Each structure stands twice: as C-alpha cells, then as structure tokens.
Amino acid sequence: MSAADTLRGAYSRQEAAEYLSCSPETLRLYVEAGLISPRFHGSKPVYLRAELDDLLASLPDEKRASR
C-alpha cells in the first residue's frame, strides 16, 4: 500500500510528478524553489493534490509565456 492509498488526496513523489506531467527532477526543482512543499507520512514525502493544483494554476499559460 502506497502513501497515496493511505492518505486521501496525497501523492508519492512519482505520482505527484505524473500528476504534474513532469519528471521527478522537475518536481525536485519546484520543491527547491519553494513552489511546493512535501508533507511526510512517516518518513515518506507526500504531495497534496490541492497544492499540486495550485502549482499548476500558477504556471503561465501559453499566451503569457510567448510575450
């Protein structure tokens, strides 16, 4: 059973990266930049779906990125 199975709305590192459609390395960079913070279920980091959604919403859309 994964941490995500144990905690509703929480994802493991790999699951969070998949949810964001990025690599685990990019997820690590988001954490280092302070854009998202893992919680810990025991010693395992988990990422809350609400925070993942907030991160996605904060990313620039194509229109703003191309200006």
PDB file of N, CA and C in Angstrom:
ATOM      1  N   MET A   1       0.851  -1.191   0.000  1.00  0.00           N
ATOM      2  CA  MET A   1       0.000   0.000   0.000  1.00  0.00           C
ATOM      3  C   MET A   1       0.884   1.237   0.000  1.00  0.00           C
ATOM      4  N   SER A   2       0.610   2.152  -0.936  1.00  0.00           N
ATOM      5  CA  SER A   2       1.408   3.374  -1.035  1.00  0.00           C
ATOM      6  C   SER A   2       0.875   4.435  -0.079  1.00  0.00           C
ATOM      7  N   ALA A   3       1.662   5.477   0.113  1.00  0.00           N
ATOM      8  CA  ALA A   3       1.221   6.591   0.958  1.00  0.00           C
ATOM      9  C   ALA A   3      -0.045   7.219   0.393  1.00  0.00           C
ATOM     10  N   ALA A   4      -0.148   7.251  -0.928  1.00  0.00           N
ATOM     11  CA  ALA A   4      -1.341   7.834  -1.553  1.00  0.00           C
ATOM     12  C   ALA A   4      -2.585   7.016  -1.225  1.00  0.00           C
ATOM     13  N   ASP A   5      -2.434   5.699  -1.093  1.00  0.00           N
ATOM     14  CA  ASP A   5      -3.568   4.872  -0.705  1.00  0.00           C
ATOM     15  C   ASP A   5      -3.968   5.146   0.738  1.00  0.00           C
ATOM     16  N   THR A   6      -2.981   5.462   1.564  1.00  0.00           N
ATOM     17  CA  THR A   6      -3.229   5.688   2.973  1.00  0.00           C
ATOM     18  C   THR A   6      -3.828   7.066   3.228  1.00  0.00           C
ATOM     19  N   LEU A   7      -3.360   8.063   2.511  1.00  0.00           N
ATOM     20  CA  LEU A   7      -3.810   9.438   2.701  1.00  0.00           C
ATOM     21  C   LEU A   7      -4.596   9.893   1.472  1.00  0.00           C
ATOM     22  N   ARG A   8      -5.844  10.164   1.656  1.00  0.00           N
ATOM     23  CA  ARG A   8      -6.677  10.614   0.536  1.00  0.00           C
ATOM     24  C   ARG A   8      -6.189  11.982   0.051  1.00  0.00           C
ATOM     25  N   GLY A   9      -6.022  12.103  -1.271  1.00  0.00           N
ATOM     26  CA  GLY A   9      -5.581  13.368  -1.840  1.00  0.00           C
ATOM     27  C   GLY A   9      -4.098  13.625  -1.720  1.00  0.00           C
ATOM     28  N   ALA A  10      -3.317  12.594  -1.396  1.00  0.00           N
ATOM     29  CA  ALA A  10      -1.871  12.742  -1.273  1.00  0.00           C
ATOM     30  C   ALA A  10      -1.199  11.802  -2.273  1.00  0.00           C
ATOM     31  N   TYR A  11      -0.096  12.268  -2.828  1.00  0.00           N
ATOM     32  CA  TYR A  11       0.612  11.517  -3.855  1.00  0.00           C
ATOM     33  C   TYR A  11       2.063  11.304  -3.468  1.00  0.00           C
ATOM     34  N   SER A  12       2.612  10.154  -3.847  1.00  0.00           N
ATOM     35  CA  SER A  12       4.041   9.917  -3.685  1.00  0.00           C
ATOM     36  C   SER A  12       4.796  10.840  -4.630  1.00  0.00           C
ATOM     37  N   ARG A  13       6.097  10.879  -4.517  1.00  0.00           N
ATOM     38  CA  ARG A  13       6.917  11.724  -5.386  1.00  0.00           C
ATOM     39  C   ARG A  13       6.669  11.392  -6.862  1.00  0.00           C
ATOM     40  N   GLN A  14       6.705  10.117  -7.200  1.00  0.00           N
ATOM     41  CA  GLN A  14       6.496   9.700  -8.585  1.00  0.00           C
ATOM     42  C   GLN A  14       5.077  10.040  -9.052  1.00  0.00           C
ATOM     43  N   GLU A  15       4.088   9.769  -8.207  1.00  0.00           N
ATOM     44  CA  GLU A  15       2.701  10.075  -8.560  1.00  0.00           C
ATOM     45  C   GLU A  15       2.488  11.579  -8.744  1.00  0.00           C
ATOM     46  N   ALA A  16       3.119  12.380  -7.886  1.00  0.00           N
ATOM     47  CA  ALA A  16       2.998  13.839  -7.999  1.00  0.00           C
ATOM     48  C   ALA A  16       3.605  14.327  -9.299  1.00  0.00           C
ATOM     49  N   ALA A  17       4.757  13.792  -9.667  1.00  0.00           N
ATOM     50  CA  ALA A  17       5.389  14.174 -10.929  1.00  0.00           C
ATOM     51  C   ALA A  17       4.493  13.805 -12.105  1.00  0.00           C
ATOM     52  N   GLU A  18       3.899  12.627 -12.063  1.00  0.00           N
ATOM     53  CA  GLU A  18       2.984  12.213 -13.125  1.00  0.00           C
ATOM     54  C   GLU A  18       1.759  13.124 -13.166  1.00  0.00           C
ATOM     55  N   TYR A  19       1.230  13.484 -12.014  1.00  0.00           N
ATOM     56  CA  TYR A  19       0.066  14.371 -11.944  1.00  0.00           C
ATOM     57  C   TYR A  19       0.376  15.724 -12.582  1.00  0.00           C
ATOM     58  N   LEU A  20       1.596  16.218 -12.361  1.00  0.00           N
ATOM     59  CA  LEU A  20       2.021  17.496 -12.917  1.00  0.00           C
ATOM     60  C   LEU A  20       2.516  17.377 -14.357  1.00  0.00           C
ATOM     61  N   SER A  21       2.596  16.151 -14.857  1.00  0.00           N
ATOM     62  CA  SER A  21       3.143  15.879 -16.197  1.00  0.00           C
ATOM     63  C   SER A  21       4.573  16.390 -16.323  1.00  0.00           C
ATOM     64  N   CYS A  22       5.361  16.106 -15.299  1.00  0.00           N
ATOM     65  CA  CYS A  22       6.762  16.496 -15.314  1.00  0.00           C
ATOM     66  C   CYS A  22       7.594  15.334 -14.782  1.00  0.00           C
ATOM     67  N   SER A  23       8.895  15.501 -14.833  1.00  0.00           N
ATOM     68  CA  SER A  23       9.792  14.481 -14.302  1.00  0.00           C
ATOM     69  C   SER A  23       9.937  14.653 -12.790  1.00  0.00           C
ATOM     70  N   PRO A  24      10.361  13.600 -12.096  1.00  0.00           N
ATOM     71  CA  PRO A  24      10.658  13.758 -10.670  1.00  0.00           C
ATOM     72  C   PRO A  24      11.737  14.816 -10.424  1.00  0.00           C
ATOM     73  N   GLU A  25      12.660  14.980 -11.362  1.00  0.00           N
ATOM     74  CA  GLU A  25      13.695  16.017 -11.248  1.00  0.00           C
ATOM     75  C   GLU A  25      13.070  17.412 -11.273  1.00  0.00           C
ATOM     76  N   THR A  26      12.114  17.640 -12.162  1.00  0.00           N
ATOM     77  CA  THR A  26      11.432  18.937 -12.216  1.00  0.00           C
ATOM     78  C   THR A  26      10.656  19.170 -10.927  1.00  0.00           C
ATOM     79  N   LEU A  27      10.021  18.144 -10.399  1.00  0.00           N
ATOM     80  CA  LEU A  27       9.316  18.259  -9.121  1.00  0.00           C
ATOM     81  C   LEU A  27      10.308  18.669  -8.030  1.00  0.00           C
ATOM     82  N   ARG A  28      11.488  18.071  -8.037  1.00  0.00           N
ATOM     83  CA  ARG A  28      12.514  18.423  -7.047  1.00  0.00           C
ATOM     84  C   ARG A  28      12.893  19.901  -7.182  1.00  0.00           C
ATOM     85  N   LEU A  29      12.996  20.377  -8.412  1.00  0.00           N
ATOM     86  CA  LEU A  29      13.326  21.790  -8.633  1.00  0.00           C
ATOM     87  C   LEU A  29      12.216  22.701  -8.111  1.00  0.00           C
ATOM     88  N   TYR A  30      10.964  22.303  -8.287  1.00  0.00           N
ATOM     89  CA  TYR A  30       9.844  23.073  -7.733  1.00  0.00           C
ATOM     90  C   TYR A  30       9.946  23.140  -6.209  1.00  0.00           C
ATOM     91  N   VAL A  31      10.320  22.025  -5.588  1.00  0.00           N
ATOM     92  CA  VAL A  31      10.474  21.992  -4.124  1.00  0.00           C
ATOM     93  C   VAL A  31      11.621  22.915  -3.713  1.00  0.00           C
ATOM     94  N   GLU A  32      12.757  22.812  -4.400  1.00  0.00           N
ATOM     95  CA  GLU A  32      13.911  23.656  -4.066  1.00  0.00           C
ATOM     96  C   GLU A  32      13.601  25.142  -4.244  1.00  0.00           C
ATOM     97  N   ALA A  33      12.746  25.456  -5.209  1.00  0.00           N
ATOM     98  CA  ALA A  33      12.372  26.855  -5.463  1.00  0.00           C
ATOM     99  C   ALA A  33      11.309  27.342  -4.486  1.00  0.00           C
ATOM    100  N   GLY A  34      10.800  26.448  -3.651  1.00  0.00           N
ATOM    101  CA  GLY A  34       9.793  26.824  -2.673  1.00  0.00           C
ATOM    102  C   GLY A  34       8.397  26.947  -3.258  1.00  0.00           C
ATOM    103  N   LEU A  35       8.182  26.384  -4.442  1.00  0.00           N
ATOM    104  CA  LEU A  35       6.866  26.458  -5.076  1.00  0.00           C
ATOM    105  C   LEU A  35       5.892  25.422  -4.537  1.00  0.00           C
ATOM    106  N   ILE A  36       6.431  24.379  -3.934  1.00  0.00           N
ATOM    107  CA  ILE A  36       5.608  23.317  -3.344  1.00  0.00           C
ATOM    108  C   ILE A  36       6.424  22.660  -2.242  1.00  0.00           C
ATOM    109  N   SER A  37       5.745  22.155  -1.234  1.00  0.00           N
ATOM    110  CA  SER A  37       6.439  21.503  -0.122  1.00  0.00           C
ATOM    111  C   SER A  37       5.796  20.157   0.160  1.00  0.00           C
ATOM    112  N   PRO A  38       6.615  19.119   0.267  1.00  0.00           N
ATOM    113  CA  PRO A  38       6.047  17.827   0.629  1.00  0.00           C
ATOM    114  C   PRO A  38       5.666  17.794   2.103  1.00  0.00           C
ATOM    115  N   ARG A  39       4.695  16.996   2.427  1.00  0.00           N
ATOM    116  CA  ARG A  39       4.386  16.646   3.806  1.00  0.00           C
ATOM    117  C   ARG A  39       5.036  15.282   4.022  1.00  0.00           C
ATOM    118  N   PHE A  40       5.044  14.803   5.218  1.00  0.00           N
ATOM    119  CA  PHE A  40       5.657  13.498   5.463  1.00  0.00           C
ATOM    120  C   PHE A  40       4.689  12.578   6.171  1.00  0.00           C
ATOM    121  N   HIS A  41       4.524  11.411   5.578  1.00  0.00           N
ATOM    122  CA  HIS A  41       3.735  10.323   6.153  1.00  0.00           C
ATOM    123  C   HIS A  41       4.776   9.335   6.652  1.00  0.00           C
ATOM    124  N   GLY A  42       5.077   9.410   7.935  1.00  0.00           N
ATOM    125  CA  GLY A  42       6.232   8.679   8.451  1.00  0.00           C
ATOM    126  C   GLY A  42       7.471   9.344   7.878  1.00  0.00           C
ATOM    127  N   SER A  43       8.292   8.581   7.195  1.00  0.00           N
ATOM    128  CA  SER A  43       9.492   9.143   6.580  1.00  0.00           C
ATOM    129  C   SER A  43       9.322   9.383   5.082  1.00  0.00           C
ATOM    130  N   LYS A  44       8.126   9.090   4.548  1.00  0.00           N
ATOM    131  CA  LYS A  44       7.899   9.218   3.107  1.00  0.00           C
ATOM    132  C   LYS A  44       7.260  10.562   2.760  1.00  0.00           C
ATOM    133  N   PRO A  45       7.860  11.276   1.799  1.00  0.00           N
ATOM    134  CA  PRO A  45       7.254  12.538   1.378  1.00  0.00           C
ATOM    135  C   PRO A  45       5.988  12.277   0.577  1.00  0.00           C
ATOM    136  N   VAL A  46       4.961  13.070   0.829  1.00  0.00           N
ATOM    137  CA  VAL A  46       3.728  13.028   0.043  1.00  0.00           C
ATOM    138  C   VAL A  46       3.374  14.459  -0.341  1.00  0.00           C
ATOM    139  N   TYR A  47       2.718  14.572  -1.472  1.00  0.00           N
ATOM    140  CA  TYR A  47       2.346  15.875  -2.016  1.00  0.00           C
ATOM    141  C   TYR A  47       0.837  15.946  -2.085  1.00  0.00           C
ATOM    142  N   LEU A  48       0.270  17.023  -1.555  1.00  0.00           N
ATOM    143  CA  LEU A  48      -1.179  17.169  -1.507  1.00  0.00           C
ATOM    144  C   LEU A  48      -1.724  17.635  -2.857  1.00  0.00           C
ATOM    145  N   ARG A  49      -2.812  16.997  -3.271  1.00  0.00           N
ATOM    146  CA  ARG A  49      -3.417  17.321  -4.564  1.00  0.00           C
ATOM    147  C   ARG A  49      -3.758  18.804  -4.656  1.00  0.00           C
ATOM    148  N   ALA A  50      -4.269  19.394  -3.597  1.00  0.00           N
ATOM    149  CA  ALA A  50      -4.641  20.814  -3.615  1.00  0.00           C
ATOM    150  C   ALA A  50      -3.421  21.684  -3.918  1.00  0.00           C
ATOM    151  N   GLU A  51      -2.263  21.358  -3.346  1.00  0.00           N
ATOM    152  CA  GLU A  51      -1.051  22.139  -3.614  1.00  0.00           C
ATOM    153  C   GLU A  51      -0.543  21.904  -5.027  1.00  0.00           C
ATOM    154  N   LEU A  52      -0.693  20.688  -5.525  1.00  0.00           N
ATOM    155  CA  LEU A  52      -0.313  20.404  -6.907  1.00  0.00           C
ATOM    156  C   LEU A  52      -1.191  21.211  -7.862  1.00  0.00           C
ATOM    157  N   ASP A  53      -2.485  21.265  -7.551  1.00  0.00           N
ATOM    158  CA  ASP A  53      -3.408  22.055  -8.377  1.00  0.00           C
ATOM    159  C   ASP A  53      -3.056  23.543  -8.328  1.00  0.00           C
ATOM    160  N   ASP A  54      -2.699  24.043  -7.149  1.00  0.00           N
ATOM    161  CA  ASP A  54      -2.300  25.456  -7.019  1.00  0.00           C
ATOM    162  C   ASP A  54      -1.045  25.732  -7.840  1.00  0.00           C
ATOM    163  N   LEU A  55      -0.094  24.811  -7.824  1.00  0.00           N
ATOM    164  CA  LEU A  55       1.124  24.985  -8.608  1.00  0.00           C
ATOM    165  C   LEU A  55       0.786  25.030 -10.093  1.00  0.00           C
ATOM    166  N   LEU A  56      -0.052  24.112 -10.543  1.00  0.00           N
ATOM    167  CA  LEU A  56      -0.446  24.110 -11.953  1.00  0.00           C
ATOM    168  C   LEU A  56      -1.135  25.413 -12.335  1.00  0.00           C
ATOM    169  N   ALA A  57      -1.998  25.904 -11.470  1.00  0.00           N
ATOM    170  CA  ALA A  57      -2.725  27.143 -11.752  1.00  0.00           C
ATOM    171  C   ALA A  57      -1.790  28.349 -11.800  1.00  0.00           C
ATOM    172  N   SER A  58      -0.659  28.286 -11.106  1.00  0.00           N
ATOM    173  CA  SER A  58       0.270  29.414 -11.073  1.00  0.00           C
ATOM    174  C   SER A  58       1.216  29.447 -12.273  1.00  0.00           C
ATOM    175  N   LEU A  59       1.267  28.376 -13.032  1.00  0.00           N
ATOM    176  CA  LEU A  59       2.154  28.338 -14.190  1.00  0.00           C
ATOM    177  C   LEU A  59       1.609  29.251 -15.278  1.00  0.00           C
ATOM    178  N   PRO A  60       2.483  29.875 -16.039  1.00  0.00           N
ATOM    179  CA  PRO A  60       1.999  30.769 -17.098  1.00  0.00           C
ATOM    180  C   PRO A  60       1.282  29.990 -18.186  1.00  0.00           C
ATOM    181  N   ASP A  61       0.255  30.637 -18.745  1.00  0.00           N
ATOM    182  CA  ASP A  61      -0.403  29.993 -19.875  1.00  0.00           C
ATOM    183  C   ASP A  61       0.384  30.328 -21.141  1.00  0.00           C
ATOM    184  N   GLU A  62       0.063  29.667 -22.204  1.00  0.00           N
ATOM    185  CA  GLU A  62       0.817  29.825 -23.450  1.00  0.00           C
ATOM    186  C   GLU A  62       0.831  31.273 -23.919  1.00  0.00           C
ATOM    187  N   LYS A  63      -0.294  31.948 -23.767  1.00  0.00           N
ATOM    188  CA  LYS A  63      -0.411  33.329 -24.234  1.00  0.00           C
ATOM    189  C   LYS A  63       0.592  34.226 -23.502  1.00  0.00           C
ATOM    190  N   ARG A  64       0.647  34.134 -22.173  1.00  0.00           N
ATOM    191  CA  ARG A  64       1.557  34.983 -21.410  1.00  0.00           C
ATOM    192  C   ARG A  64       3.007  34.557 -21.599  1.00  0.00           C
ATOM    193  N   ALA A  65       3.248  33.271 -21.763  1.00  0.00           N
ATOM    194  CA  ALA A  65       4.625  32.772 -21.885  1.00  0.00           C
ATOM    195  C   ALA A  65       5.269  33.245 -23.186  1.00  0.00           C
ATOM    196  N   SER A  66       4.497  33.487 -24.223  1.00  0.00           N
ATOM    197  CA  SER A  66       5.086  33.835 -25.509  1.00  0.00           C
ATOM    198  C   SER A  66       5.310  35.343 -25.674  1.00  0.00           C
ATOM    199  N   ARG A  67       4.882  36.127 -24.742  1.00  0.00           N
ATOM    200  CA  ARG A  67       5.055  37.596 -24.838  1.00  0.00           C
ATOM    201  C   ARG A  67       6.423  38.021 -24.413  1.00  0.00           C
TER     202      ARG A  67
END
